[in-house]
Structures are given as C-alpha cells and as structure tokens.
Amino acid sequence: MEALVWETAEELDKKLAERMRRIRRRRKVSQQKLSDMSGVSYGSIKRFETTGQISLLSLTKLAMALELADELRNLFTQVPYRNIQEVINESKGKS
C-alpha cells in the first residue's frame, strides 16, 4: 500500500529552508555571516531560504556552521519497516 503524498518535493524543501532560516535568525546570524562561516555563497543561501533549492553539500555545510550536523547524521536512521517483506529483504542483504 502506497502512502499518500501530502506535499510536493518543492513544498518539503521550502519547509526545510524555513526551519533553517528560523534557526539562523534565532541564533542572530545574518545570511552574510552564515556565508562566511560555511563557505556557501551568499546567493546560494538567499536562494535556499527563498526557494528551498540547494545542493546537498551546501546544505551540509550550512548545517555544520549552525551546529546542526547531528540532525543530518540522524536523518533516516530510525525509519520504521513498512511491511514484513522489508524485514526479510534487509536480513537477506546482511548475509
């Protein structure tokens, strides 16, 4: 059974960008300062916060600069099994 998709990939990206922007502001870090801290261009940060578009490498650099690397490290670490077949598939892959 397929899960219902409640949002598009673009909407999900924009929500992620909004969360990062709120954290940046909460920590009183300007876009320019975050650019200096992370090595990600000011334009890329501005585009990310506006559209949600950014490369994975740049997202990782921003997360590290904002001390959010643990959140990225933990991404997809506790994904529940959708069905018994996934359990079987995973156990076969370990042998």
PDB file of N, CA and C in Angstrom:
ATOM      1  N   MET A   1       0.837  -1.179   0.000  1.00  0.00           N
ATOM      2  CA  MET A   1       0.000   0.000   0.000  1.00  0.00           C
ATOM      3  C   MET A   1       0.885   1.247   0.000  1.00  0.00           C
ATOM      4  N   GLU A   2       0.645   2.124  -0.941  1.00  0.00           N
ATOM      5  CA  GLU A   2       1.421   3.355  -1.067  1.00  0.00           C
ATOM      6  C   GLU A   2       0.915   4.399  -0.077  1.00  0.00           C
ATOM      7  N   ALA A   3       1.851   5.122   0.505  1.00  0.00           N
ATOM      8  CA  ALA A   3       1.475   6.210   1.405  1.00  0.00           C
ATOM      9  C   ALA A   3       0.988   7.398   0.579  1.00  0.00           C
ATOM     10  N   LEU A   4       0.038   8.105   1.114  1.00  0.00           N
ATOM     11  CA  LEU A   4      -0.453   9.297   0.443  1.00  0.00           C
ATOM     12  C   LEU A   4       0.579  10.418   0.562  1.00  0.00           C
ATOM     13  N   VAL A   5       0.792  11.128  -0.527  1.00  0.00           N
ATOM     14  CA  VAL A   5       1.731  12.240  -0.530  1.00  0.00           C
ATOM     15  C   VAL A   5       0.939  13.514  -0.273  1.00  0.00           C
ATOM     16  N   TRP A   6       1.244  14.164   0.833  1.00  0.00           N
ATOM     17  CA  TRP A   6       0.506  15.360   1.231  1.00  0.00           C
ATOM     18  C   TRP A   6       1.161  16.641   0.760  1.00  0.00           C
ATOM     19  N   GLU A   7       2.417  16.545   0.311  1.00  0.00           N
ATOM     20  CA  GLU A   7       3.105  17.732  -0.157  1.00  0.00           C
ATOM     21  C   GLU A   7       4.064  17.341  -1.271  1.00  0.00           C
ATOM     22  N   THR A   8       4.403  18.297  -2.085  1.00  0.00           N
ATOM     23  CA  THR A   8       5.344  18.052  -3.161  1.00  0.00           C
ATOM     24  C   THR A   8       6.770  18.131  -2.627  1.00  0.00           C
ATOM     25  N   ALA A   9       7.706  17.684  -3.422  1.00  0.00           N
ATOM     26  CA  ALA A   9       9.115  17.791  -3.042  1.00  0.00           C
ATOM     27  C   ALA A   9       9.506  19.250  -2.854  1.00  0.00           C
ATOM     28  N   GLU A  10       8.984  20.107  -3.707  1.00  0.00           N
ATOM     29  CA  GLU A  10       9.288  21.533  -3.604  1.00  0.00           C
ATOM     30  C   GLU A  10       8.752  22.121  -2.301  1.00  0.00           C
ATOM     31  N   GLU A  11       7.550  21.717  -1.904  1.00  0.00           N
ATOM     32  CA  GLU A  11       6.973  22.202  -0.652  1.00  0.00           C
ATOM     33  C   GLU A  11       7.788  21.721   0.549  1.00  0.00           C
ATOM     34  N   LEU A  12       8.214  20.473   0.505  1.00  0.00           N
ATOM     35  CA  LEU A  12       9.035  19.927   1.582  1.00  0.00           C
ATOM     36  C   LEU A  12      10.362  20.672   1.676  1.00  0.00           C
ATOM     37  N   ASP A  13      10.979  20.951   0.519  1.00  0.00           N
ATOM     38  CA  ASP A  13      12.235  21.703   0.501  1.00  0.00           C
ATOM     39  C   ASP A  13      12.052  23.098   1.097  1.00  0.00           C
ATOM     40  N   LYS A  14      10.960  23.756   0.754  1.00  0.00           N
ATOM     41  CA  LYS A  14      10.707  25.102   1.276  1.00  0.00           C
ATOM     42  C   LYS A  14      10.503  25.074   2.794  1.00  0.00           C
ATOM     43  N   LYS A  15       9.850  24.039   3.293  1.00  0.00           N
ATOM     44  CA  LYS A  15       9.664  23.918   4.743  1.00  0.00           C
ATOM     45  C   LYS A  15      10.998  23.726   5.443  1.00  0.00           C
ATOM     46  N   LEU A  16      11.870  22.918   4.858  1.00  0.00           N
ATOM     47  CA  LEU A  16      13.197  22.707   5.421  1.00  0.00           C
ATOM     48  C   LEU A  16      13.981  24.019   5.429  1.00  0.00           C
ATOM     49  N   ALA A  17      13.907  24.759   4.331  1.00  0.00           N
ATOM     50  CA  ALA A  17      14.591  26.050   4.247  1.00  0.00           C
ATOM     51  C   ALA A  17      14.060  27.016   5.301  1.00  0.00           C
ATOM     52  N   GLU A  18      12.761  27.013   5.504  1.00  0.00           N
ATOM     53  CA  GLU A  18      12.158  27.892   6.509  1.00  0.00           C
ATOM     54  C   GLU A  18      12.640  27.521   7.908  1.00  0.00           C
ATOM     55  N   ARG A  19      12.756  26.240   8.198  1.00  0.00           N
ATOM     56  CA  ARG A  19      13.263  25.811   9.514  1.00  0.00           C
ATOM     57  C   ARG A  19      14.691  26.289   9.721  1.00  0.00           C
ATOM     58  N   MET A  20      15.522  26.118   8.689  1.00  0.00           N
ATOM     59  CA  MET A  20      16.920  26.564   8.798  1.00  0.00           C
ATOM     60  C   MET A  20      16.986  28.080   8.967  1.00  0.00           C
ATOM     61  N   ARG A  21      16.141  28.817   8.249  1.00  0.00           N
ATOM     62  CA  ARG A  21      16.125  30.276   8.360  1.00  0.00           C
ATOM     63  C   ARG A  21      15.745  30.706   9.780  1.00  0.00           C
ATOM     64  N   ARG A  22      14.747  30.041  10.353  1.00  0.00           N
ATOM     65  CA  ARG A  22      14.338  30.369  11.729  1.00  0.00           C
ATOM     66  C   ARG A  22      15.473  30.112  12.718  1.00  0.00           C
ATOM     67  N   ILE A  23      16.182  29.004  12.523  1.00  0.00           N
ATOM     68  CA  ILE A  23      17.312  28.699  13.408  1.00  0.00           C
ATOM     69  C   ILE A  23      18.402  29.746  13.234  1.00  0.00           C
ATOM     70  N   ARG A  24      18.709  30.116  11.991  1.00  0.00           N
ATOM     71  CA  ARG A  24      19.722  31.137  11.718  1.00  0.00           C
ATOM     72  C   ARG A  24      19.361  32.448  12.417  1.00  0.00           C
ATOM     73  N   ARG A  25      18.116  32.847  12.265  1.00  0.00           N
ATOM     74  CA  ARG A  25      17.668  34.104  12.893  1.00  0.00           C
ATOM     75  C   ARG A  25      17.672  34.011  14.414  1.00  0.00           C
ATOM     76  N   ARG A  26      17.239  32.874  14.936  1.00  0.00           N
ATOM     77  CA  ARG A  26      17.217  32.676  16.388  1.00  0.00           C
ATOM     78  C   ARG A  26      18.614  32.811  16.974  1.00  0.00           C
ATOM     79  N   ARG A  27      19.603  32.392  16.198  1.00  0.00           N
ATOM     80  CA  ARG A  27      20.994  32.475  16.642  1.00  0.00           C
ATOM     81  C   ARG A  27      21.642  33.801  16.263  1.00  0.00           C
ATOM     82  N   LYS A  28      20.834  34.713  15.710  1.00  0.00           N
ATOM     83  CA  LYS A  28      21.310  36.056  15.360  1.00  0.00           C
ATOM     84  C   LYS A  28      22.484  36.004  14.383  1.00  0.00           C
ATOM     85  N   VAL A  29      22.345  35.163  13.357  1.00  0.00           N
ATOM     86  CA  VAL A  29      23.366  35.031  12.319  1.00  0.00           C
ATOM     87  C   VAL A  29      22.768  35.567  11.022  1.00  0.00           C
ATOM     88  N   SER A  30      23.414  36.545  10.424  1.00  0.00           N
ATOM     89  CA  SER A  30      22.936  37.081   9.148  1.00  0.00           C
ATOM     90  C   SER A  30      23.259  36.089   8.020  1.00  0.00           C
ATOM     91  N   GLN A  31      22.616  36.270   6.894  1.00  0.00           N
ATOM     92  CA  GLN A  31      22.926  35.428   5.734  1.00  0.00           C
ATOM     93  C   GLN A  31      24.391  35.589   5.339  1.00  0.00           C
ATOM     94  N   GLN A  32      24.888  36.816   5.386  1.00  0.00           N
ATOM     95  CA  GLN A  32      26.288  37.053   5.022  1.00  0.00           C
ATOM     96  C   GLN A  32      27.241  36.371   6.004  1.00  0.00           C
ATOM     97  N   LYS A  33      26.931  36.470   7.290  1.00  0.00           N
ATOM     98  CA  LYS A  33      27.791  35.820   8.288  1.00  0.00           C
ATOM     99  C   LYS A  33      27.748  34.302   8.114  1.00  0.00           C
ATOM    100  N   LEU A  34      26.560  33.749   7.830  1.00  0.00           N
ATOM    101  CA  LEU A  34      26.458  32.303   7.598  1.00  0.00           C
ATOM    102  C   LEU A  34      27.268  31.909   6.370  1.00  0.00           C
ATOM    103  N   SER A  35      27.269  32.757   5.371  1.00  0.00           N
ATOM    104  CA  SER A  35      28.078  32.510   4.180  1.00  0.00           C
ATOM    105  C   SER A  35      29.560  32.441   4.555  1.00  0.00           C
ATOM    106  N   ASP A  36      30.003  33.400   5.352  1.00  0.00           N
ATOM    107  CA  ASP A  36      31.402  33.426   5.796  1.00  0.00           C
ATOM    108  C   ASP A  36      31.733  32.199   6.647  1.00  0.00           C
ATOM    109  N   MET A  37      30.826  31.815   7.521  1.00  0.00           N
ATOM    110  CA  MET A  37      31.050  30.689   8.424  1.00  0.00           C
ATOM    111  C   MET A  37      31.084  29.348   7.683  1.00  0.00           C
ATOM    112  N   SER A  38      30.265  29.228   6.637  1.00  0.00           N
ATOM    113  CA  SER A  38      30.065  27.936   5.986  1.00  0.00           C
ATOM    114  C   SER A  38      30.840  27.752   4.688  1.00  0.00           C
ATOM    115  N   GLY A  39      31.192  28.854   4.050  1.00  0.00           N
ATOM    116  CA  GLY A  39      31.821  28.747   2.734  1.00  0.00           C
ATOM    117  C   GLY A  39      30.808  28.599   1.602  1.00  0.00           C
ATOM    118  N   VAL A  40      29.527  28.707   1.930  1.00  0.00           N
ATOM    119  CA  VAL A  40      28.459  28.667   0.935  1.00  0.00           C
ATOM    120  C   VAL A  40      28.197  30.108   0.516  1.00  0.00           C
ATOM    121  N   SER A  41      28.054  30.335  -0.779  1.00  0.00           N
ATOM    122  CA  SER A  41      27.890  31.715  -1.248  1.00  0.00           C
ATOM    123  C   SER A  41      26.624  32.344  -0.674  1.00  0.00           C
ATOM    124  N   TYR A  42      26.700  33.661  -0.517  1.00  0.00           N
ATOM    125  CA  TYR A  42      25.553  34.433  -0.032  1.00  0.00           C
ATOM    126  C   TYR A  42      24.348  34.207  -0.947  1.00  0.00           C
ATOM    127  N   GLY A  43      24.576  34.195  -2.254  1.00  0.00           N
ATOM    128  CA  GLY A  43      23.494  33.982  -3.219  1.00  0.00           C
ATOM    129  C   GLY A  43      22.823  32.632  -3.048  1.00  0.00           C
ATOM    130  N   SER A  44      23.620  31.610  -2.764  1.00  0.00           N
ATOM    131  CA  SER A  44      23.050  30.269  -2.558  1.00  0.00           C
ATOM    132  C   SER A  44      22.189  30.228  -1.306  1.00  0.00           C
ATOM    133  N   ILE A  45      22.623  30.909  -0.254  1.00  0.00           N
ATOM    134  CA  ILE A  45      21.846  30.949   0.985  1.00  0.00           C
ATOM    135  C   ILE A  45      20.540  31.701   0.758  1.00  0.00           C
ATOM    136  N   LYS A  46      20.642  32.822   0.077  1.00  0.00           N
ATOM    137  CA  LYS A  46      19.448  33.617  -0.211  1.00  0.00           C
ATOM    138  C   LYS A  46      18.459  32.813  -1.055  1.00  0.00           C
ATOM    139  N   ARG A  47      18.962  32.124  -2.092  1.00  0.00           N
ATOM    140  CA  ARG A  47      18.108  31.294  -2.945  1.00  0.00           C
ATOM    141  C   ARG A  47      17.479  30.153  -2.133  1.00  0.00           C
ATOM    142  N   PHE A  48      18.271  29.522  -1.277  1.00  0.00           N
ATOM    143  CA  PHE A  48      17.766  28.421  -0.454  1.00  0.00           C
ATOM    144  C   PHE A  48      16.623  28.895   0.429  1.00  0.00           C
ATOM    145  N   GLU A  49      16.815  30.010   1.093  1.00  0.00           N
ATOM    146  CA  GLU A  49      15.783  30.494   2.005  1.00  0.00           C
ATOM    147  C   GLU A  49      14.537  30.973   1.259  1.00  0.00           C
ATOM    148  N   THR A  50      14.689  31.332  -0.002  1.00  0.00           N
ATOM    149  CA  THR A  50      13.562  31.801  -0.795  1.00  0.00           C
ATOM    150  C   THR A  50      12.829  30.658  -1.508  1.00  0.00           C
ATOM    151  N   THR A  51      13.603  29.729  -2.069  1.00  0.00           N
ATOM    152  CA  THR A  51      13.007  28.690  -2.926  1.00  0.00           C
ATOM    153  C   THR A  51      13.113  27.279  -2.361  1.00  0.00           C
ATOM    154  N   GLY A  52      14.037  27.069  -1.433  1.00  0.00           N
ATOM    155  CA  GLY A  52      14.279  25.724  -0.920  1.00  0.00           C
ATOM    156  C   GLY A  52      15.306  24.959  -1.732  1.00  0.00           C
ATOM    157  N   GLN A  53      15.856  25.580  -2.775  1.00  0.00           N
ATOM    158  CA  GLN A  53      16.809  24.898  -3.646  1.00  0.00           C
ATOM    159  C   GLN A  53      18.238  25.096  -3.158  1.00  0.00           C
ATOM    160  N   ILE A  54      18.941  23.963  -2.984  1.00  0.00           N
ATOM    161  CA  ILE A  54      20.338  23.997  -2.539  1.00  0.00           C
ATOM    162  C   ILE A  54      20.937  22.622  -2.804  1.00  0.00           C
ATOM    163  N   SER A  55      22.232  22.572  -3.003  1.00  0.00           N
ATOM    164  CA  SER A  55      22.884  21.272  -3.173  1.00  0.00           C
ATOM    165  C   SER A  55      23.005  20.589  -1.807  1.00  0.00           C
ATOM    166  N   LEU A  56      23.104  19.292  -1.832  1.00  0.00           N
ATOM    167  CA  LEU A  56      23.256  18.551  -0.575  1.00  0.00           C
ATOM    168  C   LEU A  56      24.539  18.961   0.141  1.00  0.00           C
ATOM    169  N   LEU A  57      25.620  19.156  -0.608  1.00  0.00           N
ATOM    170  CA  LEU A  57      26.884  19.569   0.007  1.00  0.00           C
ATOM    171  C   LEU A  57      26.736  20.925   0.697  1.00  0.00           C
ATOM    172  N   SER A  58      26.069  21.869   0.030  1.00  0.00           N
ATOM    173  CA  SER A  58      25.871  23.185   0.646  1.00  0.00           C
ATOM    174  C   SER A  58      24.969  23.098   1.867  1.00  0.00           C
ATOM    175  N   LEU A  59      23.939  22.274   1.798  1.00  0.00           N
ATOM    176  CA  LEU A  59      23.063  22.085   2.956  1.00  0.00           C
ATOM    177  C   LEU A  59      23.865  21.534   4.132  1.00  0.00           C
ATOM    178  N   THR A  60      24.739  20.589   3.855  1.00  0.00           N
ATOM    179  CA  THR A  60      25.581  20.008   4.902  1.00  0.00           C
ATOM    180  C   THR A  60      26.495  21.074   5.507  1.00  0.00           C
ATOM    181  N   LYS A  61      27.080  21.916   4.669  1.00  0.00           N
ATOM    182  CA  LYS A  61      27.953  22.988   5.166  1.00  0.00           C
ATOM    183  C   LYS A  61      27.181  23.967   6.043  1.00  0.00           C
ATOM    184  N   LEU A  62      25.961  24.310   5.635  1.00  0.00           N
ATOM    185  CA  LEU A  62      25.142  25.211   6.444  1.00  0.00           C
ATOM    186  C   LEU A  62      24.812  24.566   7.787  1.00  0.00           C
ATOM    187  N   ALA A  63      24.432  23.297   7.753  1.00  0.00           N
ATOM    188  CA  ALA A  63      24.097  22.585   8.987  1.00  0.00           C
ATOM    189  C   ALA A  63      25.298  22.545   9.932  1.00  0.00           C
ATOM    190  N   MET A  64      26.465  22.297   9.377  1.00  0.00           N
ATOM    191  CA  MET A  64      27.662  22.254  10.218  1.00  0.00           C
ATOM    192  C   MET A  64      27.952  23.632  10.815  1.00  0.00           C
ATOM    193  N   ALA A  65      27.804  24.680  10.018  1.00  0.00           N
ATOM    194  CA  ALA A  65      28.062  26.034  10.510  1.00  0.00           C
ATOM    195  C   ALA A  65      27.086  26.424  11.611  1.00  0.00           C
ATOM    196  N   LEU A  66      25.853  25.938  11.509  1.00  0.00           N
ATOM    197  CA  LEU A  66      24.836  26.241  12.535  1.00  0.00           C
ATOM    198  C   LEU A  66      24.808  25.197  13.649  1.00  0.00           C
ATOM    199  N   GLU A  67      25.792  24.318  13.654  1.00  0.00           N
ATOM    200  CA  GLU A  67      25.911  23.250  14.656  1.00  0.00           C
ATOM    201  C   GLU A  67      24.686  22.336  14.653  1.00  0.00           C
ATOM    202  N   LEU A  68      24.266  21.958  13.448  1.00  0.00           N
ATOM    203  CA  LEU A  68      23.125  21.060  13.270  1.00  0.00           C
ATOM    204  C   LEU A  68      23.538  19.754  12.593  1.00  0.00           C
ATOM    205  N   ALA A  69      24.823  19.453  12.590  1.00  0.00           N
ATOM    206  CA  ALA A  69      25.313  18.267  11.897  1.00  0.00           C
ATOM    207  C   ALA A  69      24.699  16.978  12.452  1.00  0.00           C
ATOM    208  N   ASP A  70      24.452  16.933  13.759  1.00  0.00           N
ATOM    209  CA  ASP A  70      23.856  15.728  14.342  1.00  0.00           C
ATOM    210  C   ASP A  70      22.483  15.443  13.747  1.00  0.00           C
ATOM    211  N   GLU A  71      21.727  16.497  13.455  1.00  0.00           N
ATOM    212  CA  GLU A  71      20.414  16.297  12.854  1.00  0.00           C
ATOM    213  C   GLU A  71      20.547  15.652  11.486  1.00  0.00           C
ATOM    214  N   LEU A  72      21.556  16.047  10.718  1.00  0.00           N
ATOM    215  CA  LEU A  72      21.781  15.404   9.421  1.00  0.00           C
ATOM    216  C   LEU A  72      22.276  13.975   9.591  1.00  0.00           C
ATOM    217  N   ARG A  73      23.186  13.768  10.531  1.00  0.00           N
ATOM    218  CA  ARG A  73      23.705  12.416  10.776  1.00  0.00           C
ATOM    219  C   ARG A  73      22.574  11.443  11.134  1.00  0.00           C
ATOM    220  N   ASN A  74      21.573  11.944  11.822  1.00  0.00           N
ATOM    221  CA  ASN A  74      20.486  11.087  12.287  1.00  0.00           C
ATOM    222  C   ASN A  74      19.356  10.928  11.274  1.00  0.00           C
ATOM    223  N   LEU A  75      19.458  11.633  10.153  1.00  0.00           N
ATOM    224  CA  LEU A  75      18.443  11.531   9.118  1.00  0.00           C
ATOM    225  C   LEU A  75      18.384  10.096   8.588  1.00  0.00           C
ATOM    226  N   PHE A  76      17.222   9.540   8.521  1.00  0.00           N
ATOM    227  CA  PHE A  76      16.970   8.183   8.007  1.00  0.00           C
ATOM    228  C   PHE A  76      17.556   7.070   8.877  1.00  0.00           C
ATOM    229  N   THR A  77      17.908   7.357  10.127  1.00  0.00           N
ATOM    230  CA  THR A  77      18.491   6.311  10.965  1.00  0.00           C
ATOM    231  C   THR A  77      17.434   5.464  11.676  1.00  0.00           C
ATOM    232  N   GLN A  78      16.245   6.001  11.852  1.00  0.00           N
ATOM    233  CA  GLN A  78      15.199   5.263  12.558  1.00  0.00           C
ATOM    234  C   GLN A  78      13.942   5.169  11.706  1.00  0.00           C
ATOM    235  N   VAL A  79      14.113   4.665  10.504  1.00  0.00           N
ATOM    236  CA  VAL A  79      12.995   4.527   9.586  1.00  0.00           C
ATOM    237  C   VAL A  79      12.290   3.206   9.878  1.00  0.00           C
ATOM    238  N   PRO A  80      11.015   3.251  10.216  1.00  0.00           N
ATOM    239  CA  PRO A  80      10.299   2.012  10.523  1.00  0.00           C
ATOM    240  C   PRO A  80      10.091   1.163   9.262  1.00  0.00           C
ATOM    241  N   TYR A  81      10.000  -0.128   9.468  1.00  0.00           N
ATOM    242  CA  TYR A  81       9.694  -1.026   8.360  1.00  0.00           C
ATOM    243  C   TYR A  81       8.254  -0.791   7.918  1.00  0.00           C
ATOM    244  N   ARG A  82       8.032  -0.816   6.614  1.00  0.00           N
ATOM    245  CA  ARG A  82       6.675  -0.632   6.090  1.00  0.00           C
ATOM    246  C   ARG A  82       5.898  -1.946   6.083  1.00  0.00           C
ATOM    247  N   ASN A  83       6.628  -3.060   5.991  1.00  0.00           N
ATOM    248  CA  ASN A  83       5.970  -4.368   5.969  1.00  0.00           C
ATOM    249  C   ASN A  83       6.998  -5.457   6.265  1.00  0.00           C
ATOM    250  N   ILE A  84       6.532  -6.666   6.394  1.00  0.00           N
ATOM    251  CA  ILE A  84       7.408  -7.796   6.739  1.00  0.00           C
ATOM    252  C   ILE A  84       8.412  -8.071   5.624  1.00  0.00           C
ATOM    253  N   GLN A  85       8.042  -7.785   4.393  1.00  0.00           N
ATOM    254  CA  GLN A  85       8.957  -8.040   3.281  1.00  0.00           C
ATOM    255  C   GLN A  85      10.231  -7.199   3.404  1.00  0.00           C
ATOM    256  N   GLU A  86      10.120  -5.982   3.910  1.00  0.00           N
ATOM    257  CA  GLU A  86      11.311  -5.162   4.119  1.00  0.00           C
ATOM    258  C   GLU A  86      12.227  -5.784   5.171  1.00  0.00           C
ATOM    259  N   VAL A  87      11.668  -6.372   6.196  1.00  0.00           N
ATOM    260  CA  VAL A  87      12.468  -7.050   7.217  1.00  0.00           C
ATOM    261  C   VAL A  87      13.226  -8.207   6.590  1.00  0.00           C
ATOM    262  N   ILE A  88      12.523  -8.987   5.774  1.00  0.00           N
ATOM    263  CA  ILE A  88      13.137 -10.126   5.090  1.00  0.00           C
ATOM    264  C   ILE A  88      14.224  -9.649   4.144  1.00  0.00           C
ATOM    265  N   ASN A  89      13.939  -8.616   3.382  1.00  0.00           N
ATOM    266  CA  ASN A  89      14.923  -8.093   2.430  1.00  0.00           C
ATOM    267  C   ASN A  89      16.182  -7.626   3.127  1.00  0.00           C
ATOM    268  N   GLU A  90      16.011  -6.952   4.258  1.00  0.00           N
ATOM    269  CA  GLU A  90      17.181  -6.449   4.982  1.00  0.00           C
ATOM    270  C   GLU A  90      17.999  -7.601   5.557  1.00  0.00           C
ATOM    271  N   SER A  91      17.342  -8.615   6.081  1.00  0.00           N
ATOM    272  CA  SER A  91      18.082  -9.743   6.663  1.00  0.00           C
ATOM    273  C   SER A  91      18.825 -10.531   5.586  1.00  0.00           C
ATOM    274  N   LYS A  92      18.291 -10.600   4.392  1.00  0.00           N
ATOM    275  CA  LYS A  92      18.981 -11.271   3.273  1.00  0.00           C
ATOM    276  C   LYS A  92      20.201 -10.477   2.844  1.00  0.00           C
ATOM    277  N   GLY A  93      20.114  -9.152   2.912  1.00  0.00           N
ATOM    278  CA  GLY A  93      21.221  -8.301   2.500  1.00  0.00           C
ATOM    279  C   GLY A  93      22.404  -8.333   3.438  1.00  0.00           C
ATOM    280  N   LYS A  94      22.204  -8.778   4.675  1.00  0.00           N
ATOM    281  CA  LYS A  94      23.281  -8.813   5.672  1.00  0.00           C
ATOM    282  C   LYS A  94      24.126 -10.076   5.559  1.00  0.00           C
ATOM    283  N   SER A  95      23.653 -11.087   4.838  1.00  0.00           N
ATOM    284  CA  SER A  95      24.425 -12.341   4.772  1.00  0.00           C
ATOM    285  C   SER A  95      25.487 -12.317   3.719  1.00  0.00           C
TER     286      SER A  95
END
